[in-house]
Structures are given as structure tokens and as C-alpha cells.
Protein backbone atom coordinates (compact mmCIF):
# COMPACT_ATOMS: atom_id res chain seq x y z
CA UNK A 1 -1.05 6.11 -103.88
CA UNK A 2 1.97 7.96 -102.44
CA UNK A 3 2.13 8.34 -98.67
CA UNK A 4 4.46 11.36 -98.49
CA UNK A 5 3.70 12.06 -94.84
CA UNK A 6 5.46 8.92 -93.58
CA UNK A 7 8.72 9.82 -91.79
CA UNK A 8 10.57 6.75 -93.12
CA UNK A 9 9.69 6.86 -96.81
CA UNK A 10 8.32 9.08 -99.56
CA UNK A 11 7.26 6.36 -101.96
CA UNK A 12 5.86 2.95 -101.16
CA UNK A 13 6.25 -0.16 -103.38
CA UNK A 14 3.76 -0.49 -106.21
CA UNK A 15 0.78 -2.57 -105.14
CA UNK A 16 1.56 -2.30 -101.43
CA UNK A 17 -0.62 -1.09 -98.56
CA UNK A 18 2.16 0.64 -96.61
CA UNK A 19 0.67 3.35 -94.44
CA UNK A 20 -2.93 2.23 -94.85
CA UNK A 21 -3.05 1.03 -91.23
CA UNK A 22 -0.94 3.89 -89.89
CA UNK A 23 2.67 5.01 -90.03
CA UNK A 24 3.70 2.80 -87.10
CA UNK A 25 1.73 -0.34 -87.99
CA UNK A 26 3.54 -3.65 -87.38
CA UNK A 27 0.80 -6.27 -87.94
CA UNK A 28 -0.35 -5.57 -91.50
CA UNK A 29 -3.60 -7.13 -92.62
CA UNK A 30 -4.19 -8.61 -89.17
CA UNK A 31 -5.84 -5.24 -88.61
CA UNK A 32 -8.82 -6.74 -90.48
CA UNK A 33 -9.25 -9.32 -87.70
CA UNK A 34 -11.96 -7.35 -85.92
CA UNK A 35 -14.27 -8.38 -83.09
CA UNK A 36 -17.01 -8.90 -85.68
CA UNK A 37 -14.67 -11.20 -87.62
CA UNK A 38 -13.95 -13.28 -84.53
CA UNK A 39 -17.69 -13.58 -83.82
CA UNK A 40 -18.21 -14.79 -87.39
CA UNK A 41 -15.44 -17.36 -86.91
CA UNK A 42 -16.94 -18.64 -83.66
CA UNK A 43 -20.20 -19.09 -85.55
CA UNK A 44 -18.51 -21.76 -87.69
CA UNK A 45 -18.34 -24.06 -84.65
CA UNK A 46 -21.21 -26.54 -84.96
CA UNK A 47 -20.00 -29.83 -83.44
CA UNK A 48 -17.21 -28.66 -81.15
CA UNK A 49 -14.65 -30.97 -82.79
CA UNK A 50 -11.06 -29.70 -82.60
CA UNK A 51 -8.02 -30.56 -84.71
CA UNK A 52 -4.33 -30.05 -84.04
CA UNK A 53 -2.76 -28.46 -87.12
CA UNK A 54 0.88 -28.81 -86.06
CA UNK A 55 3.40 -31.41 -87.10
CA UNK A 56 5.61 -32.86 -84.37
CA UNK A 57 8.24 -30.13 -84.11
CA UNK A 58 11.05 -32.58 -84.86
CA UNK A 59 9.72 -33.01 -88.42
CA UNK A 60 10.62 -32.91 -91.28
CA UNK A 61 13.68 -34.63 -89.77
CA UNK A 62 17.34 -34.15 -90.50
CA UNK A 63 18.73 -30.84 -91.60
CA UNK A 64 16.19 -28.48 -93.17
CA UNK A 65 18.31 -26.06 -95.16
CA UNK A 66 20.29 -24.07 -92.60
CA UNK A 67 17.93 -25.16 -89.83
CA UNK A 68 18.74 -28.10 -87.58
CA UNK A 69 16.17 -30.20 -85.70
CA UNK A 70 15.43 -29.31 -82.07
CA UNK A 71 17.99 -30.39 -79.48
CA UNK A 72 16.52 -31.17 -76.06
CA UNK A 73 18.48 -30.94 -72.81
CA UNK A 74 17.80 -31.15 -69.08
CA UNK A 75 18.14 -27.99 -67.04
CA UNK A 76 20.32 -27.85 -63.97
CA UNK A 77 23.93 -28.85 -63.41
CA UNK A 78 25.16 -31.54 -65.85
CA UNK A 79 26.19 -33.63 -62.87
CA UNK A 80 22.67 -33.37 -61.44
CA UNK A 81 20.29 -32.84 -64.38
CA UNK A 82 16.67 -32.04 -63.61
CA UNK A 83 15.20 -35.27 -64.94
CA UNK A 84 13.71 -37.66 -62.35
CA UNK A 85 15.49 -35.58 -59.73
CA UNK A 86 14.40 -35.62 -56.08
CA UNK A 87 13.76 -32.15 -54.70
CA UNK A 88 13.15 -32.52 -51.00
CA UNK A 89 11.82 -35.09 -48.53
CA UNK A 90 8.90 -34.45 -46.23
CA UNK A 91 8.61 -35.72 -42.68
CA UNK A 92 7.38 -39.12 -43.88
CA UNK A 93 10.45 -39.57 -46.05
CA UNK A 94 8.68 -39.16 -49.43
CA UNK A 95 10.33 -37.01 -52.07
CA UNK A 96 9.07 -34.68 -54.78
CA UNK A 97 10.49 -35.70 -58.16
CA UNK A 98 11.07 -33.11 -60.89
CA UNK A 99 11.62 -33.10 -64.65
CA UNK A 100 12.60 -29.80 -66.24
CA UNK A 101 14.11 -29.34 -69.69
CA UNK A 102 15.00 -26.90 -72.43
CA UNK A 103 15.42 -26.88 -76.17
CA UNK A 104 17.56 -25.27 -78.82
CA UNK A 105 15.12 -24.77 -81.66
CA UNK A 106 15.27 -23.18 -85.10
CA UNK A 107 12.07 -21.16 -85.02
CA UNK A 108 11.11 -22.00 -88.62
CA UNK A 109 12.19 -25.64 -88.74
CA UNK A 110 8.70 -27.16 -88.67
CA UNK A 111 5.11 -25.83 -88.35
CA UNK A 112 5.55 -22.06 -88.33
CA UNK A 113 4.44 -18.55 -89.08
CA UNK A 114 6.76 -16.32 -91.08
CA UNK A 115 6.98 -12.96 -89.33
CA UNK A 116 6.59 -9.78 -91.37
CA UNK A 117 10.34 -9.15 -91.02
CA UNK A 118 11.17 -12.55 -92.52
CA UNK A 119 11.50 -11.11 -96.03
CA UNK A 120 12.77 -7.64 -96.98
CA UNK A 121 13.97 -6.03 -100.19
CA UNK A 122 16.17 -3.24 -101.44
CA UNK A 123 13.98 -0.35 -102.47
CA UNK A 124 14.36 3.37 -103.23
CA UNK A 125 11.75 4.56 -100.77
CA UNK A 126 13.27 8.02 -100.45
CA UNK A 127 13.08 8.76 -104.18
CA UNK A 128 16.72 9.79 -104.09
CA UNK A 129 18.20 7.07 -106.28
CA UNK A 130 19.62 5.14 -103.30
CA UNK A 131 18.24 1.68 -102.55
CA UNK A 132 18.07 0.55 -98.93
CA UNK A 133 16.81 -2.64 -97.29
CA UNK A 134 13.24 -2.19 -96.13
CA UNK A 135 10.63 -4.46 -94.60
CA UNK A 136 6.85 -4.17 -94.41
CA UNK A 137 5.54 -0.63 -93.86
CA UNK A 138 8.97 0.89 -94.38
CA UNK A 139 10.80 -0.43 -91.33
CA UNK A 140 14.53 -0.40 -92.02
CA UNK A 141 17.34 -2.92 -91.79
CA UNK A 142 20.00 -1.92 -89.30
CA UNK A 143 17.76 0.55 -87.53
CA UNK A 144 14.60 -1.44 -86.84
CA UNK A 145 15.68 -4.97 -87.80
CA UNK A 146 19.10 -5.86 -86.37
CA UNK A 147 21.25 -8.96 -85.93
CA UNK A 148 20.96 -10.99 -82.77
CA UNK A 149 23.87 -11.11 -80.35
CA UNK A 150 25.90 -8.37 -78.69
CA UNK A 151 27.17 -5.05 -79.94
CA UNK A 152 25.57 -1.74 -80.93
CA UNK A 153 23.84 -3.21 -84.00
CA UNK A 154 22.35 -6.19 -82.16
CA UNK A 155 18.83 -6.62 -80.92
CA UNK A 156 16.81 -8.63 -83.42
CA UNK A 157 13.50 -7.34 -84.75
CA UNK A 158 12.76 -4.22 -82.74
CA UNK A 159 9.90 -3.68 -85.17
CA UNK A 160 7.78 -6.32 -86.89
CA UNK A 161 8.90 -9.01 -84.41
CA UNK A 162 6.76 -12.12 -84.13
CA UNK A 163 5.73 -10.99 -80.64
CA UNK A 164 3.64 -8.25 -82.27
CA UNK A 165 1.72 -10.97 -84.14
CA UNK A 166 1.25 -12.89 -80.88
CA UNK A 167 -0.20 -9.78 -79.25
CA UNK A 168 -2.68 -9.50 -82.14
CA UNK A 169 -4.02 -12.90 -80.95
CA UNK A 170 -4.62 -14.52 -84.37
CA UNK A 171 -8.06 -16.01 -84.03
CA UNK A 172 -10.30 -15.81 -87.06
CA UNK A 173 -12.17 -17.80 -89.69
CA UNK A 174 -10.08 -20.39 -91.47
CA UNK A 175 -11.03 -21.67 -94.93
CA UNK A 176 -9.75 -24.95 -96.37
CA UNK A 177 -8.83 -25.25 -100.05
CA UNK A 178 -8.10 -28.94 -100.67
CA UNK A 179 -5.78 -28.91 -103.66
CA UNK A 180 -4.81 -32.57 -103.25
CA UNK A 181 -8.45 -33.71 -103.39
CA UNK A 182 -8.86 -31.90 -106.71
CA UNK A 183 -5.51 -32.52 -108.45
CA UNK A 184 -4.06 -35.52 -106.61
CA UNK A 185 -0.69 -35.85 -104.87
CA UNK A 186 1.42 -34.29 -107.61
CA UNK A 187 3.90 -31.44 -107.94
CA UNK A 188 2.38 -28.50 -109.79
CA UNK A 189 2.38 -24.72 -109.69
CA UNK A 190 -1.12 -23.39 -108.99
CA UNK A 191 -2.04 -20.07 -110.52
CA UNK A 192 -5.23 -18.08 -110.14
CA UNK A 193 -7.06 -20.05 -112.83
CA UNK A 194 -6.38 -23.39 -111.14
CA UNK A 195 -7.13 -21.99 -107.69
CA UNK A 196 -10.43 -20.57 -108.91
CA UNK A 197 -11.30 -23.95 -110.42
CA UNK A 198 -10.81 -25.65 -107.06
CA UNK A 199 -12.70 -23.03 -105.08
CA UNK A 200 -15.65 -23.29 -107.45
CA UNK A 201 -15.65 -27.09 -107.33
CA UNK A 202 -15.49 -27.13 -103.52
CA UNK A 203 -17.77 -24.10 -102.99
CA UNK A 204 -15.02 -22.25 -101.11
CA UNK A 205 -15.64 -18.55 -100.56
CA UNK A 206 -12.86 -16.72 -98.74
CA UNK A 207 -13.74 -13.35 -97.24
CA UNK A 208 -11.72 -10.40 -95.90
CA UNK A 209 -10.12 -11.26 -92.57
CA UNK A 210 -9.90 -15.00 -93.36
CA UNK A 211 -6.85 -17.26 -93.36
CA UNK A 212 -6.86 -19.83 -96.14
CA UNK A 213 -5.30 -23.25 -95.57
CA UNK A 214 -3.93 -25.15 -98.58
CA UNK A 215 -3.99 -28.93 -98.27
CA UNK A 216 -1.52 -30.26 -100.86
CA UNK A 217 -0.68 -33.77 -99.61
CA UNK A 218 2.92 -32.88 -98.82
CA UNK A 219 2.34 -33.10 -95.06
CA UNK A 220 0.74 -36.53 -95.34
CA UNK A 221 3.75 -37.88 -97.25
CA UNK A 222 6.21 -36.22 -94.87
CA UNK A 223 4.61 -37.72 -91.74
CA UNK A 224 4.65 -41.18 -93.35
CA UNK A 225 8.43 -40.85 -93.74
CA UNK A 226 8.71 -40.73 -89.93
CA UNK A 227 11.62 -38.31 -89.61
CA UNK A 228 13.65 -39.72 -92.50
CA UNK A 229 12.55 -37.54 -95.42
CA UNK A 230 12.96 -38.92 -98.93
CA UNK A 231 14.01 -35.72 -100.70
CA UNK A 232 13.57 -37.18 -104.19
CA UNK A 233 10.01 -38.30 -103.41
CA UNK A 234 9.13 -35.01 -101.77
CA UNK A 235 10.23 -33.14 -104.88
CA UNK A 236 7.50 -34.98 -106.80
CA UNK A 237 4.55 -33.90 -104.62
CA UNK A 238 3.15 -30.82 -102.96
CA UNK A 239 1.03 -28.45 -105.01
CA UNK A 240 2.37 -24.91 -104.66
CA UNK A 241 1.08 -21.44 -105.47
CA UNK A 242 2.59 -19.79 -108.52
CA UNK A 243 3.93 -16.52 -107.15
CA UNK A 244 4.77 -15.32 -110.66
CA UNK A 245 1.14 -15.32 -111.75
CA UNK A 246 0.03 -11.65 -111.69
CA UNK A 247 -3.62 -12.68 -111.51
CA UNK A 248 -2.98 -14.71 -108.35
CA UNK A 249 -1.14 -11.83 -106.68
CA UNK A 250 -3.92 -9.43 -107.63
CA UNK A 251 -6.50 -11.82 -106.16
CA UNK A 252 -4.57 -11.93 -102.87
CA UNK A 253 -4.55 -8.14 -102.82
CA UNK A 254 -8.30 -7.87 -103.49
CA UNK A 255 -9.30 -10.76 -101.24
CA UNK A 256 -8.53 -9.13 -97.91
CA UNK A 257 -6.95 -12.38 -96.67
CA UNK A 258 -4.82 -11.97 -93.56
CA UNK A 259 -2.87 -15.21 -93.92
CA UNK A 260 -2.08 -18.18 -96.14
CA UNK A 261 -1.00 -21.47 -94.56
CA UNK A 262 0.06 -24.64 -96.37
CA UNK A 263 1.25 -28.13 -95.48
CA UNK A 264 4.35 -27.71 -97.67
CA UNK A 265 7.69 -25.98 -96.96
CA UNK A 266 7.29 -22.67 -98.82
CA UNK A 267 3.62 -22.18 -99.85
CA UNK A 268 4.88 -21.13 -103.29
CA UNK A 269 6.92 -22.89 -105.94
CA UNK A 270 10.61 -21.99 -106.09
CA UNK A 271 12.12 -21.70 -109.54
CA UNK A 272 15.88 -21.50 -110.18
CA UNK A 273 16.91 -17.86 -110.42
CA UNK A 274 18.60 -18.19 -113.81
CA UNK A 275 19.03 -14.68 -115.18
CA UNK A 276 17.07 -13.24 -112.25
CA UNK A 277 17.70 -9.74 -110.96
CA UNK A 278 16.69 -7.95 -107.81
CA UNK A 279 13.46 -7.03 -109.56
CA UNK A 280 12.61 -10.70 -110.17
CA UNK A 281 12.67 -12.23 -106.69
CA UNK A 282 13.14 -15.93 -106.03
CA UNK A 283 10.09 -15.84 -103.75
CA UNK A 284 7.60 -13.45 -105.37
CA UNK A 285 4.66 -14.60 -103.26
CA UNK A 286 6.66 -13.97 -100.08
CA UNK A 287 7.57 -10.54 -101.41
CA UNK A 288 3.96 -9.74 -102.23
CA UNK A 289 2.49 -11.03 -98.97
CA UNK A 290 5.09 -10.24 -96.32
CA UNK A 291 6.84 -7.20 -97.79
CA UNK A 292 3.99 -5.43 -99.58
CA UNK A 293 0.74 -6.41 -97.84
CA UNK A 294 1.56 -7.68 -94.35
CA UNK A 295 -0.13 -11.03 -95.01
CA UNK A 296 1.13 -13.91 -92.84
CA UNK A 297 2.53 -17.07 -94.44
CA UNK A 298 2.42 -20.40 -92.63
CA UNK A 299 4.44 -23.45 -93.64
CA UNK A 300 4.59 -27.15 -92.68
CA UNK A 301 1.07 -27.17 -91.18
CA UNK A 302 -0.67 -30.51 -90.59
CA UNK A 303 -3.94 -30.21 -92.52
CA UNK A 304 -4.88 -33.75 -93.60
CA UNK A 305 -7.18 -34.70 -90.69
CA UNK A 306 -9.05 -31.42 -90.87
CA UNK A 307 -9.33 -31.52 -94.68
CA UNK A 308 -10.85 -35.01 -94.57
CA UNK A 309 -13.32 -34.07 -91.82
CA UNK A 310 -14.46 -30.97 -93.69
CA UNK A 311 -14.86 -32.91 -96.95
CA UNK A 312 -17.05 -35.50 -95.21
CA UNK A 313 -19.32 -32.68 -94.05
CA UNK A 314 -19.27 -30.66 -97.29
CA UNK A 315 -17.79 -27.76 -95.38
CA UNK A 316 -14.77 -25.53 -95.85
CA UNK A 317 -14.84 -22.95 -93.02
CA UNK A 318 -13.85 -23.32 -89.37
CA UNK A 319 -12.67 -21.41 -86.31
CA UNK A 320 -8.88 -21.08 -86.43
CA UNK A 321 -6.79 -20.17 -83.39
CA UNK A 322 -3.13 -19.78 -84.37
CA UNK A 323 -1.00 -17.41 -82.29
CA UNK A 324 2.80 -17.68 -82.49
CA UNK A 325 5.12 -17.61 -79.49
CA UNK A 326 5.37 -14.22 -77.83
CA UNK A 327 9.13 -14.12 -78.38
CA UNK A 328 10.43 -10.54 -78.66
CA UNK A 329 12.74 -9.85 -81.58
CA UNK A 330 12.08 -13.07 -83.53
CA UNK A 331 11.47 -13.20 -87.28
CA UNK A 332 9.28 -16.33 -87.15
CA UNK A 333 7.81 -18.80 -84.72
CA UNK A 334 6.65 -22.38 -84.27
CA UNK A 335 3.03 -22.78 -83.26
CA UNK A 336 0.32 -25.34 -82.62
CA UNK A 337 -2.73 -24.09 -84.51
CA UNK A 338 -6.14 -25.39 -83.47
CA UNK A 339 -9.13 -25.70 -85.80
CA UNK A 340 -12.64 -26.18 -84.41
CA UNK A 341 -15.68 -27.17 -86.48
């Protein structure tokens, strides 16, 4: 359907939902996270057991692409850093002791949400033969999404920033799909047929407004490496969604899911872009979810403990609380998701 009334574009990408939640929408399918949905999610809490779904934020360890591990530092003057520092003495001579520190952190180094401005594409939205860089719902590069730093073009994500996702609160029903339990700790692209096979075997029934969590075994192996990742070994494990399977993408569209989180680095399998063009993206699942539908993608989540607990109870659904940092202008964010069963 063409949304000709939108002031930023005349034509939306095929298969997208641009404009469905309003011209100025910045949270995509999180609009389906209604009060009724939250009440349904709370109803999944039976025992009151909670699980941390975040890796230590210094994992995977070492350099992660262009992202470096977090660097901690003490606040205050270097000659008097605020670590074990006495503040003031009271009349009895006792002192208050303070520790206060900071961190330089790549926001998508470890457990994270991709923001909706994380992936954009060149697209002729004006139907004038000129391709421009757009992000979800037609927000533009240079105008709405700018570089960080100083200067007239600076400012980060003025639209679609991760702070908009934080304000949406991200609390809904989570649903576990345990790919490792079904296929083992192997490397394999999972299309719709394979995913359907697992959901049927595990009686998993995602519903609109849910976030699915994919347990692949990658996180378990990564934690065992204790900050010294064996890249060759990691390339052999971690089941990944096949973003080039049209049936899988169509299922995501029809499902009403608001997010997909996995314990691996990219959720989807990355194939070399031999002979690829701008119409055959390297990350087709990212393009479909972030750019077209406004569906969140989470990477490097810690899902093993929760997956095992759910399997023991023949369950798959749980209450998921997973807001990112409210950091204005950011394209992604670390987080510590909490699951409660």
C-alpha cells in the first residue's frame, strides 16, 4: 500500500509497514506492546524465579570487529582518583570513603539491542529516480540521523534513537525457541521450515507483541572461553536464522513479533557478498526487521540458564523486561534483560 500523505516519502519499501503507526512513529512494532499484552506477560509468572539474560559486558573479549572492550577509569583528578578516597572527617575523626568510576563503552560490544537507526538503506522513496539513505518509517540520513561530534551535521540519532525504545519500556511476553536442544551445538542456517519444526516439537506458539529468544549454544561456548574467544571454534557453532529465506521473512511479517533476541553475534547468518548488489543486502534479516518493520534485534544475550529451566518445566513463555539505556542519540544499547517464570 502506498502512503502518499507522508511528508518524507511517496512510496514505502515493498513489504514494509511504514506509516502504519503514524507518520512520526519512531518505535515500530513496539506499538503492539499494549497494556493487555503486558498483563498477559505478567500472567506467565508462576514461581517468581528470575534470570539475568546479560553476558558480562566485557565479553566476548578482545576486539569485536570495530568495537573494543569497555575501558574503566576512576573519576576525579588523576592525582587523586575517586577510588577508596576519603571525603571528609566527622568530629570523631572517622572518614567517609568513596569509589566513583566511569567507562568508555562501545554500545553494541556485548549484550545489546540494535536501535531502529542501526541499519538503513538507499531507496527511491520520492519516486523521482534519486536514491537517498533512509531508515525505518522514512527518517533520513543527514537530516534525522547525523554523525556524533561537533559541527552543523552532528547530533546523532535525532529520530529513532535508542532512547525512544527505552521510553517505550520494553516489557512483554518472551518466548524461548531452543534451537540447540533440537539441532545440537552446530553451525547451520535456520529457515522457516527448520524453525517451524522446532516450534512444533517444543510446542512454542509466538503471538503478536511477543519477543522470541533463540538459544543456539553460542553464548554457552563463549562464556566457557572466559574472555579469550577461540574464533575458529566459534565459527563452527551458533545456529543462525537464514535471512535469505522468503518464507522466514514472511513469517516474521505475519507473526506480529516485536523483537528477536539471540545468544549469537548477529541473529542471522552472514554470507560473503560475492556478486551482491545494493538490492541483495549482506544482512537481509536486519533489513527486513529494522528497516522495513521496526522489529528490534538483540544480540549476545545469555539464554542458557533460562532455556534449561524452561525445558525442565515443559514451558516456553515468560515475562521479559528488557529496556535499553535511555541514551539520547544512540543507535544501540547494552542492557541487562530479566526473565521471570
